[in-house]
Amino acid sequence: MNRLNNKVAIVTGASSGIGRSTAKLFAAEGAKVVVGARRQAELDSLVAEIKAAGGEAVAVAGDVRAEDYHKALVAAAVQNYGKLDIAFNNAGVIGEAGPSTEVSEAGFSEALTINLTASFLAAKHQIAEMAKHGGGSVIFTSTFVGYTVAFPGMAAYAASKSGLIGLTQALAAEFGPQNIRVNAVLPGAVDTDMYRETNDTPDKQAFVTSLHALKRVAAPEELARSVLYLASDDASFVTGTASLVDGGLSITRT
């Protein structure tokens, strides 16, 4: 407990899934948390849960595609809690899927905008604030898709999420001298709303489960613990990594 005592964190995509679990864990570990997503009602219920458990949190709803939204999240951290130490840029979408010869330019661009450009805009403002306070930790949610494994029909998702790994490395190299660490977490399949929407039959779920060495999918809380490690001082010499938390999917051929 208290691995994030006296830390201030932003978590995007916090209304459900990995983001929600991570926000709750950050708060339980002592962080003051600014939670962001599009859905105000879900954010309000998350803040209520965190406060009921003795934590501190505020919600700022908005669209990650807008640079002003990232400014507002950082401003909320500073105005409410005085600084920013940690940012978990987790908001993302699968994007338009299907045969790549039929994917629209608009659909491809939307995936790039939400998954990659928005993460850059977030980090741009987060890092500028962290640098004023002696450093910090920025974490992106990428994926194994397009990094160790590819699937047909997921070009937009693969391109946008693998782009985050290049962004992670570039920012880590650029801001390491200012004690700012930047890492990406690469989940395997996680039992979230997005997972269930994509794998909407027992056969699909059985197939995805079989791809993992552990022969199961992750709970969101399991990913949250890996993000906590990267956010905390336990990972003080870890930067620029693409951290696979994929249940052995990337190395399994059975």
C-alpha atoms as a PDB file:
ATOM      1  CA  MET A   1       0.000   0.000   0.000  1.00  0.00           C
ATOM      2  CA  ASN A   2       0.918   3.652  -0.467  1.00  0.00           C
ATOM      3  CA  ARG A   3       3.297   3.032  -3.364  1.00  0.00           C
ATOM      4  CA  LEU A   4       1.975   6.294  -4.842  1.00  0.00           C
ATOM      5  CA  ASN A   5       1.751   8.310  -1.643  1.00  0.00           C
ATOM      6  CA  ASN A   6       1.799  12.080  -2.330  1.00  0.00           C
ATOM      7  CA  LYS A   7       1.625  11.488  -6.097  1.00  0.00           C
ATOM      8  CA  VAL A   8      -0.855  13.097  -8.480  1.00  0.00           C
ATOM      9  CA  ALA A   9      -2.031  11.109 -11.498  1.00  0.00           C
ATOM     10  CA  ILE A  10      -4.149  11.524 -14.627  1.00  0.00           C
ATOM     11  CA  VAL A  11      -5.938   8.471 -16.039  1.00  0.00           C
ATOM     12  CA  THR A  12      -7.773   8.663 -19.372  1.00  0.00           C
ATOM     13  CA  GLY A  13     -10.236   6.101 -20.629  1.00  0.00           C
ATOM     14  CA  ALA A  14     -11.180   5.841 -16.978  1.00  0.00           C
ATOM     15  CA  SER A  15     -14.905   5.193 -17.344  1.00  0.00           C
ATOM     16  CA  SER A  16     -14.485   1.420 -17.751  1.00  0.00           C
ATOM     17  CA  GLY A  17     -12.075  -1.474 -18.179  1.00  0.00           C
ATOM     18  CA  ILE A  18      -8.351  -1.075 -17.614  1.00  0.00           C
ATOM     19  CA  GLY A  19      -8.613   2.672 -17.011  1.00  0.00           C
ATOM     20  CA  ARG A  20     -11.252   2.382 -14.320  1.00  0.00           C
ATOM     21  CA  SER A  21      -9.393  -0.408 -12.513  1.00  0.00           C
ATOM     22  CA  THR A  22      -6.129   1.514 -12.691  1.00  0.00           C
ATOM     23  CA  ALA A  23      -7.665   4.730 -11.365  1.00  0.00           C
ATOM     24  CA  LYS A  24      -9.066   2.832  -8.371  1.00  0.00           C
ATOM     25  CA  LEU A  25      -5.753   1.111  -7.719  1.00  0.00           C
ATOM     26  CA  PHE A  26      -3.775   4.353  -8.013  1.00  0.00           C
ATOM     27  CA  ALA A  27      -6.100   5.948  -5.453  1.00  0.00           C
ATOM     28  CA  ALA A  28      -5.852   2.934  -3.145  1.00  0.00           C
ATOM     29  CA  GLU A  29      -2.067   3.264  -3.323  1.00  0.00           C
ATOM     30  CA  GLY A  30      -2.213   6.888  -2.185  1.00  0.00           C
ATOM     31  CA  ALA A  31      -2.388   8.909  -5.388  1.00  0.00           C
ATOM     32  CA  LYS A  32      -4.723  11.817  -5.963  1.00  0.00           C
ATOM     33  CA  VAL A  33      -6.350  11.042  -9.296  1.00  0.00           C
ATOM     34  CA  VAL A  34      -7.820  13.101 -12.134  1.00  0.00           C
ATOM     35  CA  VAL A  35     -10.019  10.768 -14.163  1.00  0.00           C
ATOM     36  CA  GLY A  36     -10.973  11.458 -17.759  1.00  0.00           C
ATOM     37  CA  ALA A  37     -13.318   9.944 -20.373  1.00  0.00           C
ATOM     38  CA  ARG A  38     -16.253  11.029 -22.498  1.00  0.00           C
ATOM     39  CA  ARG A  39     -19.009   9.777 -20.191  1.00  0.00           C
ATOM     40  CA  GLN A  40     -19.661  12.067 -17.236  1.00  0.00           C
ATOM     41  CA  ALA A  41     -22.009   9.706 -15.387  1.00  0.00           C
ATOM     42  CA  GLU A  42     -19.486   6.856 -15.391  1.00  0.00           C
ATOM     43  CA  LEU A  43     -16.737   9.205 -14.228  1.00  0.00           C
ATOM     44  CA  ASP A  44     -18.936  10.525 -11.436  1.00  0.00           C
ATOM     45  CA  SER A  45     -19.636   7.000 -10.216  1.00  0.00           C
ATOM     46  CA  LEU A  46     -15.900   6.223 -10.322  1.00  0.00           C
ATOM     47  CA  VAL A  47     -15.080   9.306  -8.236  1.00  0.00           C
ATOM     48  CA  ALA A  48     -17.785   8.281  -5.759  1.00  0.00           C
ATOM     49  CA  GLU A  49     -16.263   4.776  -5.490  1.00  0.00           C
ATOM     50  CA  ILE A  50     -12.787   6.181  -4.923  1.00  0.00           C
ATOM     51  CA  LYS A  51     -13.982   8.617  -2.274  1.00  0.00           C
ATOM     52  CA  ALA A  52     -16.037   5.933  -0.537  1.00  0.00           C
ATOM     53  CA  ALA A  53     -12.840   3.884  -0.235  1.00  0.00           C
ATOM     54  CA  GLY A  54     -11.004   6.836   1.319  1.00  0.00           C
ATOM     55  CA  GLY A  55      -9.245   8.121  -1.785  1.00  0.00           C
ATOM     56  CA  GLU A  56      -9.171  11.451  -3.584  1.00  0.00           C
ATOM     57  CA  ALA A  57     -10.308  12.029  -7.177  1.00  0.00           C
ATOM     58  CA  VAL A  58     -11.868  14.565  -9.506  1.00  0.00           C
ATOM     59  CA  ALA A  59     -13.461  13.964 -12.915  1.00  0.00           C
ATOM     60  CA  VAL A  60     -13.052  15.953 -16.125  1.00  0.00           C
ATOM     61  CA  ALA A  61     -15.152  14.674 -19.031  1.00  0.00           C
ATOM     62  CA  GLY A  62     -14.167  15.360 -22.617  1.00  0.00           C
ATOM     63  CA  ASP A  63     -12.869  14.127 -25.951  1.00  0.00           C
ATOM     64  CA  VAL A  64      -9.198  13.075 -26.119  1.00  0.00           C
ATOM     65  CA  ARG A  65      -9.042  14.235 -29.737  1.00  0.00           C
ATOM     66  CA  ALA A  66      -9.122  17.855 -28.533  1.00  0.00           C
ATOM     67  CA  GLU A  67      -5.825  19.364 -27.390  1.00  0.00           C
ATOM     68  CA  ASP A  68      -7.730  21.698 -25.068  1.00  0.00           C
ATOM     69  CA  TYR A  69      -9.058  18.646 -23.209  1.00  0.00           C
ATOM     70  CA  HIS A  70      -5.530  17.561 -22.325  1.00  0.00           C
ATOM     71  CA  LYS A  71      -4.763  21.075 -21.153  1.00  0.00           C
ATOM     72  CA  ALA A  72      -7.871  20.901 -18.972  1.00  0.00           C
ATOM     73  CA  LEU A  73      -6.854  17.581 -17.411  1.00  0.00           C
ATOM     74  CA  VAL A  74      -3.414  18.929 -16.507  1.00  0.00           C
ATOM     75  CA  ALA A  75      -4.968  22.132 -15.197  1.00  0.00           C
ATOM     76  CA  ALA A  76      -7.327  20.097 -13.002  1.00  0.00           C
ATOM     77  CA  ALA A  77      -4.373  18.223 -11.518  1.00  0.00           C
ATOM     78  CA  VAL A  78      -2.498  21.428 -10.758  1.00  0.00           C
ATOM     79  CA  GLN A  79      -5.503  23.398  -9.492  1.00  0.00           C
ATOM     80  CA  ASN A  80      -6.793  20.618  -7.250  1.00  0.00           C
ATOM     81  CA  TYR A  81      -3.578  18.957  -6.119  1.00  0.00           C
ATOM     82  CA  GLY A  82      -0.695  21.296  -6.968  1.00  0.00           C
ATOM     83  CA  LYS A  83       1.309  19.208  -9.448  1.00  0.00           C
ATOM     84  CA  LEU A  84       1.380  16.218 -11.801  1.00  0.00           C
ATOM     85  CA  ASP A  85       3.547  13.126 -11.311  1.00  0.00           C
ATOM     86  CA  ILE A  86       1.912  10.321 -13.311  1.00  0.00           C
ATOM     87  CA  ALA A  87      -0.155  10.044 -16.485  1.00  0.00           C
ATOM     88  CA  PHE A  88      -1.769   6.882 -17.796  1.00  0.00           C
ATOM     89  CA  ASN A  89      -2.915   7.629 -21.341  1.00  0.00           C
ATOM     90  CA  ASN A  90      -5.232   4.702 -21.803  1.00  0.00           C
ATOM     91  CA  ALA A  91      -8.127   5.969 -23.944  1.00  0.00           C
ATOM     92  CA  GLY A  92      -8.365   4.133 -27.250  1.00  0.00           C
ATOM     93  CA  VAL A  93     -10.530   2.415 -29.838  1.00  0.00           C
ATOM     94  CA  ILE A  94     -10.377  -0.647 -32.072  1.00  0.00           C
ATOM     95  CA  GLY A  95     -11.259   1.592 -35.005  1.00  0.00           C
ATOM     96  CA  GLU A  96     -12.729   0.561 -38.319  1.00  0.00           C
ATOM     97  CA  ALA A  97     -12.025  -3.135 -38.866  1.00  0.00           C
ATOM     98  CA  GLY A  98     -12.398  -5.411 -41.845  1.00  0.00           C
ATOM     99  CA  PRO A  99     -10.532  -6.050 -45.096  1.00  0.00           C
ATOM    100  CA  SER A 100      -7.948  -3.312 -45.483  1.00  0.00           C
ATOM    101  CA  THR A 101      -8.927  -2.789 -49.106  1.00  0.00           C
ATOM    102  CA  GLU A 102     -12.324  -1.685 -47.826  1.00  0.00           C
ATOM    103  CA  VAL A 103     -11.371   0.401 -44.773  1.00  0.00           C
ATOM    104  CA  SER A 104     -12.272   4.049 -45.309  1.00  0.00           C
ATOM    105  CA  GLU A 105      -9.742   6.841 -45.061  1.00  0.00           C
ATOM    106  CA  ALA A 106     -11.935   8.431 -42.406  1.00  0.00           C
ATOM    107  CA  GLY A 107     -11.987   5.233 -40.362  1.00  0.00           C
ATOM    108  CA  PHE A 108      -8.242   4.772 -40.581  1.00  0.00           C
ATOM    109  CA  SER A 109      -7.622   8.415 -39.691  1.00  0.00           C
ATOM    110  CA  GLU A 110      -9.978   8.244 -36.712  1.00  0.00           C
ATOM    111  CA  ALA A 111      -8.021   5.328 -35.211  1.00  0.00           C
ATOM    112  CA  LEU A 112      -4.758   7.230 -35.676  1.00  0.00           C
ATOM    113  CA  THR A 113      -6.246  10.369 -34.147  1.00  0.00           C
ATOM    114  CA  ILE A 114      -7.694   8.710 -31.035  1.00  0.00           C
ATOM    115  CA  ASN A 115      -4.989   6.121 -30.386  1.00  0.00           C
ATOM    116  CA  LEU A 116      -1.841   7.963 -31.445  1.00  0.00           C
ATOM    117  CA  THR A 117      -2.273  11.705 -32.000  1.00  0.00           C
ATOM    118  CA  ALA A 118      -4.355  12.136 -28.847  1.00  0.00           C
ATOM    119  CA  SER A 119      -1.683  10.329 -26.840  1.00  0.00           C
ATOM    120  CA  PHE A 120       0.960  12.668 -28.221  1.00  0.00           C
ATOM    121  CA  LEU A 121      -1.140  15.713 -27.332  1.00  0.00           C
ATOM    122  CA  ALA A 122      -1.694  14.331 -23.838  1.00  0.00           C
ATOM    123  CA  ALA A 123       2.007  13.701 -23.241  1.00  0.00           C
ATOM    124  CA  LYS A 124       2.938  17.095 -24.670  1.00  0.00           C
ATOM    125  CA  HIS A 125       1.122  18.898 -21.876  1.00  0.00           C
ATOM    126  CA  GLN A 126       1.711  16.311 -19.160  1.00  0.00           C
ATOM    127  CA  ILE A 127       5.473  16.272 -19.648  1.00  0.00           C
ATOM    128  CA  ALA A 128       5.685  20.068 -19.673  1.00  0.00           C
ATOM    129  CA  GLU A 129       4.045  20.115 -16.238  1.00  0.00           C
ATOM    130  CA  MET A 130       6.024  17.165 -14.843  1.00  0.00           C
ATOM    131  CA  ALA A 131       9.275  18.855 -15.799  1.00  0.00           C
ATOM    132  CA  LYS A 132       8.428  21.697 -13.417  1.00  0.00           C
ATOM    133  CA  HIS A 133       8.305  19.295 -10.465  1.00  0.00           C
ATOM    134  CA  GLY A 134      11.422  17.199 -10.954  1.00  0.00           C
ATOM    135  CA  GLY A 135      10.140  14.409 -13.172  1.00  0.00           C
ATOM    136  CA  GLY A 136       7.355  11.897 -13.574  1.00  0.00           C
ATOM    137  CA  SER A 137       6.046   8.794 -15.298  1.00  0.00           C
ATOM    138  CA  VAL A 138       4.018   8.670 -18.511  1.00  0.00           C
ATOM    139  CA  ILE A 139       2.413   5.374 -19.565  1.00  0.00           C
ATOM    140  CA  PHE A 140       0.603   4.575 -22.801  1.00  0.00           C
ATOM    141  CA  THR A 141      -1.692   1.638 -23.515  1.00  0.00           C
ATOM    142  CA  SER A 142      -0.446  -0.004 -26.691  1.00  0.00           C
ATOM    143  CA  THR A 143      -1.036  -3.655 -27.664  1.00  0.00           C
ATOM    144  CA  PHE A 144       0.698  -6.762 -28.923  1.00  0.00           C
ATOM    145  CA  VAL A 145      -1.300  -6.376 -32.162  1.00  0.00           C
ATOM    146  CA  GLY A 146       1.095  -5.080 -34.788  1.00  0.00           C
ATOM    147  CA  TYR A 147       4.068  -5.553 -32.468  1.00  0.00           C
ATOM    148  CA  THR A 148       4.488  -9.296 -31.976  1.00  0.00           C
ATOM    149  CA  VAL A 149       1.332 -10.640 -33.652  1.00  0.00           C
ATOM    150  CA  ALA A 150      -0.944  -9.418 -36.437  1.00  0.00           C
ATOM    151  CA  PHE A 151      -4.549 -10.242 -37.201  1.00  0.00           C
ATOM    152  CA  PRO A 152      -6.320  -9.811 -40.545  1.00  0.00           C
ATOM    153  CA  GLY A 153      -8.679  -6.873 -40.695  1.00  0.00           C
ATOM    154  CA  MET A 154      -7.052  -4.787 -37.951  1.00  0.00           C
ATOM    155  CA  ALA A 155      -4.689  -2.539 -39.906  1.00  0.00           C
ATOM    156  CA  ALA A 156      -5.916   0.736 -38.384  1.00  0.00           C
ATOM    157  CA  TYR A 157      -5.670  -0.588 -34.841  1.00  0.00           C
ATOM    158  CA  ALA A 158      -2.254  -2.171 -35.412  1.00  0.00           C
ATOM    159  CA  ALA A 159      -0.782   0.902 -37.095  1.00  0.00           C
ATOM    160  CA  SER A 160      -2.052   3.366 -34.510  1.00  0.00           C
ATOM    161  CA  LYS A 161      -1.134   1.295 -31.458  1.00  0.00           C
ATOM    162  CA  SER A 162       2.307   0.258 -32.718  1.00  0.00           C
ATOM    163  CA  GLY A 163       2.968   3.922 -33.442  1.00  0.00           C
ATOM    164  CA  LEU A 164       2.656   4.496 -29.695  1.00  0.00           C
ATOM    165  CA  ILE A 165       5.769   2.374 -29.156  1.00  0.00           C
ATOM    166  CA  GLY A 166       7.835   4.654 -31.372  1.00  0.00           C
ATOM    167  CA  LEU A 167       6.374   7.653 -29.549  1.00  0.00           C
ATOM    168  CA  THR A 168       7.245   6.037 -26.212  1.00  0.00           C
ATOM    169  CA  GLN A 169      10.875   5.557 -27.218  1.00  0.00           C
ATOM    170  CA  ALA A 170      11.236   9.057 -28.662  1.00  0.00           C
ATOM    171  CA  LEU A 171       9.799  10.766 -25.581  1.00  0.00           C
ATOM    172  CA  ALA A 172      11.825   8.555 -23.227  1.00  0.00           C
ATOM    173  CA  ALA A 173      15.047   9.537 -24.979  1.00  0.00           C
ATOM    174  CA  GLU A 174      14.119  13.217 -25.154  1.00  0.00           C
ATOM    175  CA  PHE A 175      12.977  13.714 -21.583  1.00  0.00           C
ATOM    176  CA  GLY A 176      15.046  11.166 -19.670  1.00  0.00           C
ATOM    177  CA  PRO A 177      17.527  13.892 -18.673  1.00  0.00           C
ATOM    178  CA  GLN A 178      14.624  15.633 -16.891  1.00  0.00           C
ATOM    179  CA  ASN A 179      13.805  12.470 -14.917  1.00  0.00           C
ATOM    180  CA  ILE A 180      10.659  11.768 -16.918  1.00  0.00           C
ATOM    181  CA  ARG A 181      10.113   8.092 -17.660  1.00  0.00           C
ATOM    182  CA  VAL A 182       7.914   7.025 -20.571  1.00  0.00           C
ATOM    183  CA  ASN A 183       6.720   3.456 -21.081  1.00  0.00           C
ATOM    184  CA  ALA A 184       4.033   1.535 -22.936  1.00  0.00           C
ATOM    185  CA  VAL A 185       2.072  -1.393 -21.568  1.00  0.00           C
ATOM    186  CA  LEU A 186       1.006  -3.991 -24.141  1.00  0.00           C
ATOM    187  CA  PRO A 187      -1.961  -6.036 -22.893  1.00  0.00           C
ATOM    188  CA  GLY A 188      -3.101  -9.333 -24.273  1.00  0.00           C
ATOM    189  CA  ALA A 189      -6.828  -9.973 -24.228  1.00  0.00           C
ATOM    190  CA  VAL A 190      -8.506  -8.354 -21.222  1.00  0.00           C
ATOM    191  CA  ASP A 191     -12.079  -8.979 -20.101  1.00  0.00           C
ATOM    192  CA  THR A 192     -13.471  -5.515 -20.828  1.00  0.00           C
ATOM    193  CA  ASP A 193     -16.488  -4.136 -22.688  1.00  0.00           C
ATOM    194  CA  MET A 194     -14.293  -3.653 -25.771  1.00  0.00           C
ATOM    195  CA  TYR A 195     -13.138  -7.280 -25.615  1.00  0.00           C
ATOM    196  CA  ARG A 196     -16.692  -8.605 -25.294  1.00  0.00           C
ATOM    197  CA  GLU A 197     -17.931  -6.442 -28.177  1.00  0.00           C
ATOM    198  CA  THR A 198     -15.165  -7.747 -30.446  1.00  0.00           C
ATOM    199  CA  ASN A 199     -15.464 -11.356 -29.263  1.00  0.00           C
ATOM    200  CA  ASP A 200     -19.199 -11.674 -29.047  1.00  0.00           C
ATOM    201  CA  THR A 201     -19.629 -15.460 -29.344  1.00  0.00           C
ATOM    202  CA  PRO A 202     -18.382 -18.377 -27.224  1.00  0.00           C
ATOM    203  CA  ASP A 203     -16.357 -19.634 -30.211  1.00  0.00           C
ATOM    204  CA  LYS A 204     -14.558 -16.324 -30.629  1.00  0.00           C
ATOM    205  CA  GLN A 205     -13.811 -16.128 -26.917  1.00  0.00           C
ATOM    206  CA  ALA A 206     -12.525 -19.707 -26.881  1.00  0.00           C
ATOM    207  CA  PHE A 207     -10.235 -18.941 -29.822  1.00  0.00           C
ATOM    208  CA  VAL A 208      -8.784 -15.834 -28.188  1.00  0.00           C
ATOM    209  CA  THR A 209      -8.338 -17.648 -24.876  1.00  0.00           C
ATOM    210  CA  SER A 210      -6.439 -20.443 -26.621  1.00  0.00           C
ATOM    211  CA  LEU A 211      -3.889 -17.985 -28.040  1.00  0.00           C
ATOM    212  CA  HIS A 212      -2.472 -17.252 -24.580  1.00  0.00           C
ATOM    213  CA  ALA A 213       0.107 -19.427 -22.821  1.00  0.00           C
ATOM    214  CA  LEU A 214      -1.970 -19.062 -19.648  1.00  0.00           C
ATOM    215  CA  LYS A 215      -5.103 -20.189 -21.543  1.00  0.00           C
ATOM    216  CA  ARG A 216      -7.230 -17.409 -20.155  1.00  0.00           C
ATOM    217  CA  VAL A 217      -7.777 -13.693 -20.649  1.00  0.00           C
ATOM    218  CA  ALA A 218      -6.764 -11.094 -18.082  1.00  0.00           C
ATOM    219  CA  ALA A 219      -8.923  -9.273 -15.582  1.00  0.00           C
ATOM    220  CA  PRO A 220      -8.576  -5.479 -15.827  1.00  0.00           C
ATOM    221  CA  GLU A 221      -7.129  -5.451 -12.297  1.00  0.00           C
ATOM    222  CA  GLU A 222      -4.171  -7.531 -13.510  1.00  0.00           C
ATOM    223  CA  LEU A 223      -3.258  -4.886 -16.060  1.00  0.00           C
ATOM    224  CA  ALA A 224      -3.727  -2.189 -13.444  1.00  0.00           C
ATOM    225  CA  ARG A 225      -1.050  -3.791 -11.273  1.00  0.00           C
ATOM    226  CA  SER A 226       1.439  -3.708 -14.149  1.00  0.00           C
ATOM    227  CA  VAL A 227       0.628  -0.062 -14.809  1.00  0.00           C
ATOM    228  CA  LEU A 228       1.085   0.640 -11.097  1.00  0.00           C
ATOM    229  CA  TYR A 229       4.597  -0.810 -11.299  1.00  0.00           C
ATOM    230  CA  LEU A 230       5.524   1.468 -14.203  1.00  0.00           C
ATOM    231  CA  ALA A 231       3.986   4.461 -12.435  1.00  0.00           C
ATOM    232  CA  SER A 232       5.755   3.819  -9.140  1.00  0.00           C
ATOM    233  CA  ASP A 233       9.303   4.331  -7.949  1.00  0.00           C
ATOM    234  CA  ASP A 234       9.720   0.536  -8.162  1.00  0.00           C
ATOM    235  CA  ALA A 235      10.280   1.195 -11.888  1.00  0.00           C
ATOM    236  CA  SER A 236      12.672   4.112 -11.319  1.00  0.00           C
ATOM    237  CA  PHE A 237      15.200   2.771 -13.880  1.00  0.00           C
ATOM    238  CA  VAL A 238      12.613   1.625 -16.428  1.00  0.00           C
ATOM    239  CA  THR A 239      11.969   3.866 -19.434  1.00  0.00           C
ATOM    240  CA  GLY A 240      11.393   3.495 -23.151  1.00  0.00           C
ATOM    241  CA  THR A 241       9.974  -0.008 -22.828  1.00  0.00           C
ATOM    242  CA  ALA A 242       7.212  -1.868 -24.626  1.00  0.00           C
ATOM    243  CA  SER A 243       6.101  -3.936 -21.655  1.00  0.00           C
ATOM    244  CA  LEU A 244       4.193  -7.061 -22.672  1.00  0.00           C
ATOM    245  CA  VAL A 245       1.478  -8.052 -20.205  1.00  0.00           C
ATOM    246  CA  ASP A 246      -0.084 -10.559 -22.544  1.00  0.00           C
ATOM    247  CA  GLY A 247      -0.330 -13.881 -20.719  1.00  0.00           C
ATOM    248  CA  GLY A 248       2.272 -15.341 -23.034  1.00  0.00           C
ATOM    249  CA  LEU A 249       0.278 -14.701 -26.204  1.00  0.00           C
ATOM    250  CA  SER A 250       3.323 -13.371 -28.037  1.00  0.00           C
ATOM    251  CA  ILE A 251       5.386 -16.528 -27.502  1.00  0.00           C
ATOM    252  CA  THR A 252       2.677 -19.174 -27.838  1.00  0.00           C
ATOM    253  CA  ARG A 253       2.184 -21.368 -30.927  1.00  0.00           C
ATOM    254  CA  THR A 254       0.018 -24.107 -29.434  1.00  0.00           C
END
